Protein backbone atom coordinates (compact mmCIF):
# COMPACT_ATOMS: atom_id res chain seq x y z
CA MET A 1 108.90 84.23 103.05
CA THR A 2 110.72 87.49 103.79
CA THR A 3 109.83 90.77 102.05
CA THR A 4 112.63 93.35 101.98
CA LEU A 5 113.65 96.53 100.18
CA ARG A 6 116.82 96.57 98.08
CA PRO A 7 118.21 99.90 96.77
CA ALA A 8 117.77 100.12 93.00
CA GLU A 9 119.73 103.36 92.60
CA PRO A 10 121.96 105.69 94.63
CA LEU A 11 120.36 108.21 96.97
CA ARG A 12 119.58 111.23 94.79
CA GLN A 13 119.94 114.86 95.82
CA ASN A 14 117.43 116.59 93.53
CA PRO A 15 117.62 120.16 92.17
CA ASP A 16 114.61 121.19 94.29
CA GLY A 17 116.47 120.23 97.49
CA THR A 18 114.65 116.96 98.06
CA ARG A 19 116.16 113.49 98.42
CA SER A 20 114.79 110.40 96.70
CA ARG A 21 115.61 106.77 96.07
CA ARG A 22 114.03 103.80 94.32
CA TYR A 23 113.97 100.39 95.97
CA ALA A 24 113.16 96.96 94.61
CA VAL A 25 110.59 95.10 96.71
CA CYS A 26 111.99 91.60 97.07
CA VAL A 27 110.65 88.32 98.45
CA ASN A 28 113.53 86.02 99.39
CA SER A 29 115.73 88.18 97.11
CA ARG A 30 113.28 87.81 94.19
CA PRO A 31 112.09 91.23 92.86
CA VAL A 32 108.30 91.51 92.98
CA GLY A 33 107.82 95.27 92.72
CA GLU A 34 109.22 98.73 93.34
CA ILE A 35 108.77 101.58 95.81
CA HIS A 36 109.98 105.14 95.22
CA LEU A 37 110.61 107.31 98.29
CA GLY A 38 111.42 111.00 98.54
CA THR A 39 111.23 113.99 100.83
CA SER A 40 108.66 116.76 100.56
CA PRO A 41 109.58 119.72 98.33
CA SER A 42 107.29 122.00 100.32
CA LEU A 43 107.50 120.68 103.90
CA GLY A 44 111.22 119.91 103.96
CA ASP A 45 113.36 116.99 105.06
CA SER A 46 111.17 116.17 108.05
CA VAL A 47 108.46 114.71 105.78
CA ALA A 48 109.00 111.61 103.61
CA ARG A 49 106.79 110.78 100.65
CA VAL A 50 105.80 107.50 99.07
CA LEU A 51 106.01 108.65 95.47
CA ASP A 52 105.13 105.30 93.95
CA LEU A 53 104.48 101.73 95.08
CA ARG A 54 103.92 98.92 92.61
CA ILE A 55 103.69 95.17 93.14
CA ALA A 56 103.66 92.83 90.14
CA GLU A 57 100.29 91.20 89.52
CA PRO A 58 101.27 87.60 90.43
CA ASP A 59 102.39 88.80 93.88
CA ARG A 60 99.49 91.08 94.72
CA ARG A 61 97.01 90.40 97.55
CA ARG A 62 99.72 88.65 99.57
CA GLY A 63 100.71 91.51 101.85
CA ARG A 64 103.80 92.48 99.83
CA GLY A 65 102.71 96.10 99.50
CA THR A 66 101.94 96.38 103.21
CA VAL A 67 105.34 95.08 104.25
CA ALA A 68 107.06 97.30 101.67
CA ALA A 69 105.26 100.40 102.99
CA LEU A 70 106.24 99.52 106.57
CA ALA A 71 109.85 99.00 105.50
CA ALA A 72 109.71 102.41 103.81
CA GLU A 73 108.84 103.95 107.18
CA GLU A 74 112.08 102.54 108.60
CA VAL A 75 113.99 104.08 105.72
CA ALA A 76 112.29 107.42 106.39
CA ARG A 77 113.23 107.26 110.07
CA GLY A 78 116.81 106.68 108.98
CA TRP A 79 116.55 109.87 106.93
CA GLY A 80 115.45 111.72 110.09
CA CYS A 81 111.83 112.16 108.97
CA ALA A 82 109.01 112.59 111.47
CA GLN A 83 106.08 112.14 109.08
CA MET A 84 105.05 110.16 106.00
CA GLU A 85 102.77 111.33 103.22
CA THR A 86 101.45 110.06 99.92
CA MET A 87 98.91 110.99 97.25
CA VAL A 88 96.51 108.35 95.99
CA PRO A 89 93.95 108.66 93.18
CA ARG A 90 90.41 108.05 94.35
CA SER A 91 90.10 105.27 91.77
CA ALA A 92 92.96 103.30 93.39
CA ASP A 93 90.76 101.55 95.95
CA ALA A 94 93.36 98.95 96.93
CA ALA A 95 96.00 101.62 97.63
CA VAL A 96 93.56 103.71 99.67
CA ARG A 97 92.68 100.66 101.78
CA LEU A 98 96.35 99.72 102.22
CA PHE A 99 97.41 103.12 103.53
CA HIS A 100 94.35 103.43 105.78
CA THR A 101 95.24 100.04 107.28
CA LEU A 102 98.75 101.32 108.01
CA GLY A 103 97.41 104.30 109.96
CA TYR A 104 97.46 107.00 107.29
CA THR A 105 94.61 109.49 107.50
CA VAL A 106 93.23 111.91 104.92
CA ARG A 107 94.93 115.28 105.35
CA ASN A 108 93.36 116.96 102.34
CA ARG A 109 91.89 116.06 98.99
CA ILE A 110 91.74 117.45 95.49
CA MET A 111 88.25 117.90 94.06
CA GLU A 112 87.27 118.75 90.50
CA LYS A 113 84.18 119.74 88.55
CA PRO A 114 83.70 119.60 84.77
CA LEU A 115 82.20 122.89 83.60
CA GLY A 116 79.52 123.58 81.05
CA ALA A 117 79.83 125.97 78.14
CA VAL A 118 77.58 128.61 79.70
CA PRO A 119 78.95 130.37 82.80
CA PRO A 120 76.56 130.55 85.78
CA ALA A 121 74.97 133.87 86.67
CA LEU A 122 75.70 135.61 89.96
CA PRO A 123 72.80 136.34 92.32
CA PRO A 124 71.15 139.77 92.07
CA GLY A 125 73.12 142.43 93.94
CA SER A 126 76.45 140.60 93.62
CA ARG A 127 79.26 141.84 91.39
CA ALA A 128 82.97 141.11 91.02
CA ARG A 129 85.89 143.49 90.53
CA PRO A 130 89.68 143.09 90.46
CA MET A 131 91.50 143.38 93.78
CA THR A 132 93.35 146.70 94.20
CA GLU A 133 97.02 147.04 95.13
CA ASP A 134 96.10 148.38 98.58
CA GLU A 135 93.75 145.43 99.17
CA PHE A 136 96.34 142.96 97.90
CA GLY A 137 98.92 143.76 100.59
CA ALA A 138 96.48 143.22 103.45
CA TRP A 139 95.01 140.13 101.78
CA LEU A 140 98.42 138.53 101.20
CA GLU A 141 99.50 139.03 104.81
CA ALA A 142 96.29 137.51 106.17
CA GLU A 143 96.22 134.69 103.61
CA SER A 144 99.85 133.73 104.31
CA GLU A 145 99.17 133.60 108.04
CA ARG A 146 95.99 131.51 107.58
CA PHE A 147 97.77 129.07 105.28
CA ALA A 148 100.65 128.58 107.72
CA ARG A 149 98.23 128.12 110.63
CA THR A 150 96.39 125.38 108.72
CA TRP A 151 99.60 123.37 108.39
CA ILE A 152 100.58 124.00 112.01
CA ASP A 153 97.19 122.66 113.11
CA LEU A 154 97.90 119.54 111.01
CA GLY A 155 101.03 118.84 113.03
CA VAL A 156 103.67 120.47 110.83
CA PRO A 157 106.37 122.25 112.90
CA GLU A 158 105.75 126.00 113.03
CA ALA A 159 109.04 126.91 111.34
CA ASP A 160 108.34 124.50 108.46
CA ALA A 161 104.75 125.73 108.06
CA LEU A 162 105.83 129.38 107.97
CA ALA A 163 108.56 128.57 105.45
CA LYS A 164 106.09 126.66 103.27
CA SER A 165 103.62 129.54 103.31
CA ARG A 166 106.30 132.09 102.48
CA ASP A 167 107.84 130.00 99.70
CA ASP A 168 104.53 128.92 98.14
CA HIS A 169 103.18 132.46 97.94
CA ALA A 170 106.46 133.80 96.57
CA ARG A 171 106.48 131.07 93.92
CA LEU A 172 102.84 131.44 92.91
CA LEU A 173 102.63 135.25 93.05
CA PRO A 174 106.11 136.50 92.07
CA HIS A 175 104.67 139.68 90.55
CA GLY A 176 101.75 140.19 92.91
CA LEU A 177 98.56 141.20 91.16
CA ALA A 178 100.42 141.34 87.85
CA THR A 179 101.38 137.64 87.97
CA ASP A 180 100.41 135.92 84.72
CA GLY A 181 97.51 133.49 84.99
CA MET A 182 96.45 134.58 88.48
CA LEU A 183 93.06 136.20 89.06
CA LEU A 184 92.55 137.98 92.40
CA THR A 185 89.02 139.25 92.76
CA VAL A 186 86.82 141.00 95.31
CA LEU A 187 83.15 140.07 95.50
CA GLU A 188 80.80 142.88 96.40
CA HIS A 189 77.16 142.65 97.42
CA GLY A 190 75.03 145.76 97.66
CA GLY A 191 78.16 147.81 96.98
CA SER A 192 80.17 146.42 99.92
CA PRO A 193 83.06 143.92 99.79
CA VAL A 194 81.93 140.54 101.14
CA GLY A 195 84.68 138.13 100.03
CA THR A 196 87.80 137.44 98.01
CA LEU A 197 88.73 134.84 95.40
CA TRP A 198 92.08 133.60 94.07
CA VAL A 199 91.90 131.54 90.88
CA ALA A 200 94.85 130.21 88.88
CA LEU A 201 94.47 129.59 85.15
CA GLN A 202 96.44 126.41 84.53
CA GLU A 203 96.93 124.31 81.43
CA GLY A 204 93.66 122.56 80.70
CA ARG A 205 91.90 123.70 83.85
CA ALA A 206 91.47 126.45 86.44
CA TYR A 207 92.22 126.01 90.12
CA VAL A 208 90.81 127.75 93.20
CA PHE A 209 93.71 128.53 95.53
CA ASP A 210 91.68 130.52 98.03
CA VAL A 211 88.07 131.49 98.57
CA ARG A 212 87.22 133.62 101.57
CA THR A 213 84.03 135.25 102.85
CA LEU A 214 84.72 138.22 105.11
CA PRO A 215 83.85 137.46 108.77
CA ASP A 216 80.95 139.92 109.06
CA HIS A 217 79.27 138.49 105.96
CA ARG A 218 79.42 134.73 106.59
CA GLY A 219 76.34 132.55 106.60
CA ARG A 220 74.61 134.53 103.85
CA GLY A 221 75.46 132.43 100.81
CA HIS A 222 78.43 134.48 99.62
CA GLY A 223 80.72 131.43 99.68
CA ARG A 224 78.50 129.78 97.07
CA THR A 225 78.50 133.00 95.04
CA LEU A 226 82.31 133.10 95.14
CA MET A 227 82.43 129.56 93.78
CA LEU A 228 80.00 130.49 91.00
CA LEU A 229 82.30 133.40 90.23
CA ALA A 230 85.24 130.98 90.00
CA GLU A 231 83.25 128.92 87.49
CA ARG A 232 82.53 132.06 85.45
CA GLN A 233 86.22 132.95 85.37
CA ALA A 234 87.24 129.42 84.41
CA THR A 235 84.64 129.10 81.66
CA GLY A 236 85.41 132.58 80.38
CA SER A 237 89.09 131.67 80.03
CA GLY A 238 88.33 128.46 78.15
CA ARG A 239 89.14 126.06 81.00
CA PRO A 240 86.74 123.09 81.01
CA VAL A 241 87.57 121.89 84.53
CA LEU A 242 87.75 123.69 87.88
CA GLY A 243 89.77 122.13 90.70
CA LEU A 244 90.37 122.92 94.35
CA ASN A 245 91.88 121.59 97.56
CA VAL A 246 89.95 121.03 100.77
CA PHE A 247 91.54 120.12 104.10
CA ALA A 248 90.10 117.33 106.25
CA GLY A 249 87.75 118.62 108.92
CA ASN A 250 86.52 121.63 106.93
CA THR A 251 82.99 120.23 106.88
CA PRO A 252 81.17 123.40 105.69
CA ALA A 253 83.48 123.68 102.68
CA GLU A 254 83.18 119.97 101.89
CA ARG A 255 79.37 120.23 101.93
CA LEU A 256 79.40 123.34 99.76
CA TYR A 257 81.67 121.80 97.14
CA ALA A 258 79.71 118.55 97.07
CA SER A 259 76.44 120.46 96.63
CA LEU A 260 77.96 122.30 93.66
CA GLY A 261 78.95 119.05 91.94
CA TYR A 262 82.63 118.69 92.84
CA GLU A 263 84.01 115.18 93.23
CA THR A 264 87.18 113.93 94.90
CA VAL A 265 89.89 112.87 92.43
CA THR A 266 92.94 112.52 94.73
CA TYR A 267 93.48 111.87 98.42
CA SER A 268 96.51 113.28 100.24
CA LEU A 269 97.27 110.96 103.16
CA SER A 270 99.69 111.42 106.04
CA LYS A 271 100.99 109.55 109.09
CA PRO A 272 103.24 110.60 111.96
CA LEU A 273 106.34 108.47 112.52
CA LEU A 274 106.55 107.63 116.22
């Protein structure tokens, strides 16, 4: 039996600049599922995304999804893409196994923690204060450079990584410190700044966009204190869940978040197209 993809709609040019198209997954011309492909809104046309892949129950566990995902790679190459990516819920064990088998690796993951009603206390000697305008300029420059470097190290072309960093920060912080729903905080210990925290107050939850201990103060537990501060801010704003992103290979951060009770909810997987 032959598994193929058949276009189910015209190629779409979306308002955000991405392309996308739905395909029927067919076995000997018989539809057995659907796959939805697109390009990345943040990494540009060089990265294709598997937005959705579904195989009807009677045809599952027969390799249909595997062949469909491989055929999608050929479509992506035809679009001029050099990389594939997809996001898979942790609970979707079969999908995680499928993409791992095809050579996808975990690039980053979303973790979350349900919060209690009582905010945690900060350790003695630690206090938080809002970031000043003077501090914000230096922080934004350094944060933008770090963020771009992370993507470059993950294999994203430098120009695309720099553009992503610039566009993401402009979108998330259009009014700097005055941006609605964004909390930018400096942690002090013993009267000296030891770290910074960027928390977004989103609908139904809060999200840690950046947590950073200053280089001269690392290894002293301030990272944990910053995360406790994030919990205080989330609880104080009525958000019952705190989420964050952690990139693969950042073992110290992964251990810290796990020790604080965060659990993975979504994997972001990627694969280079050779």
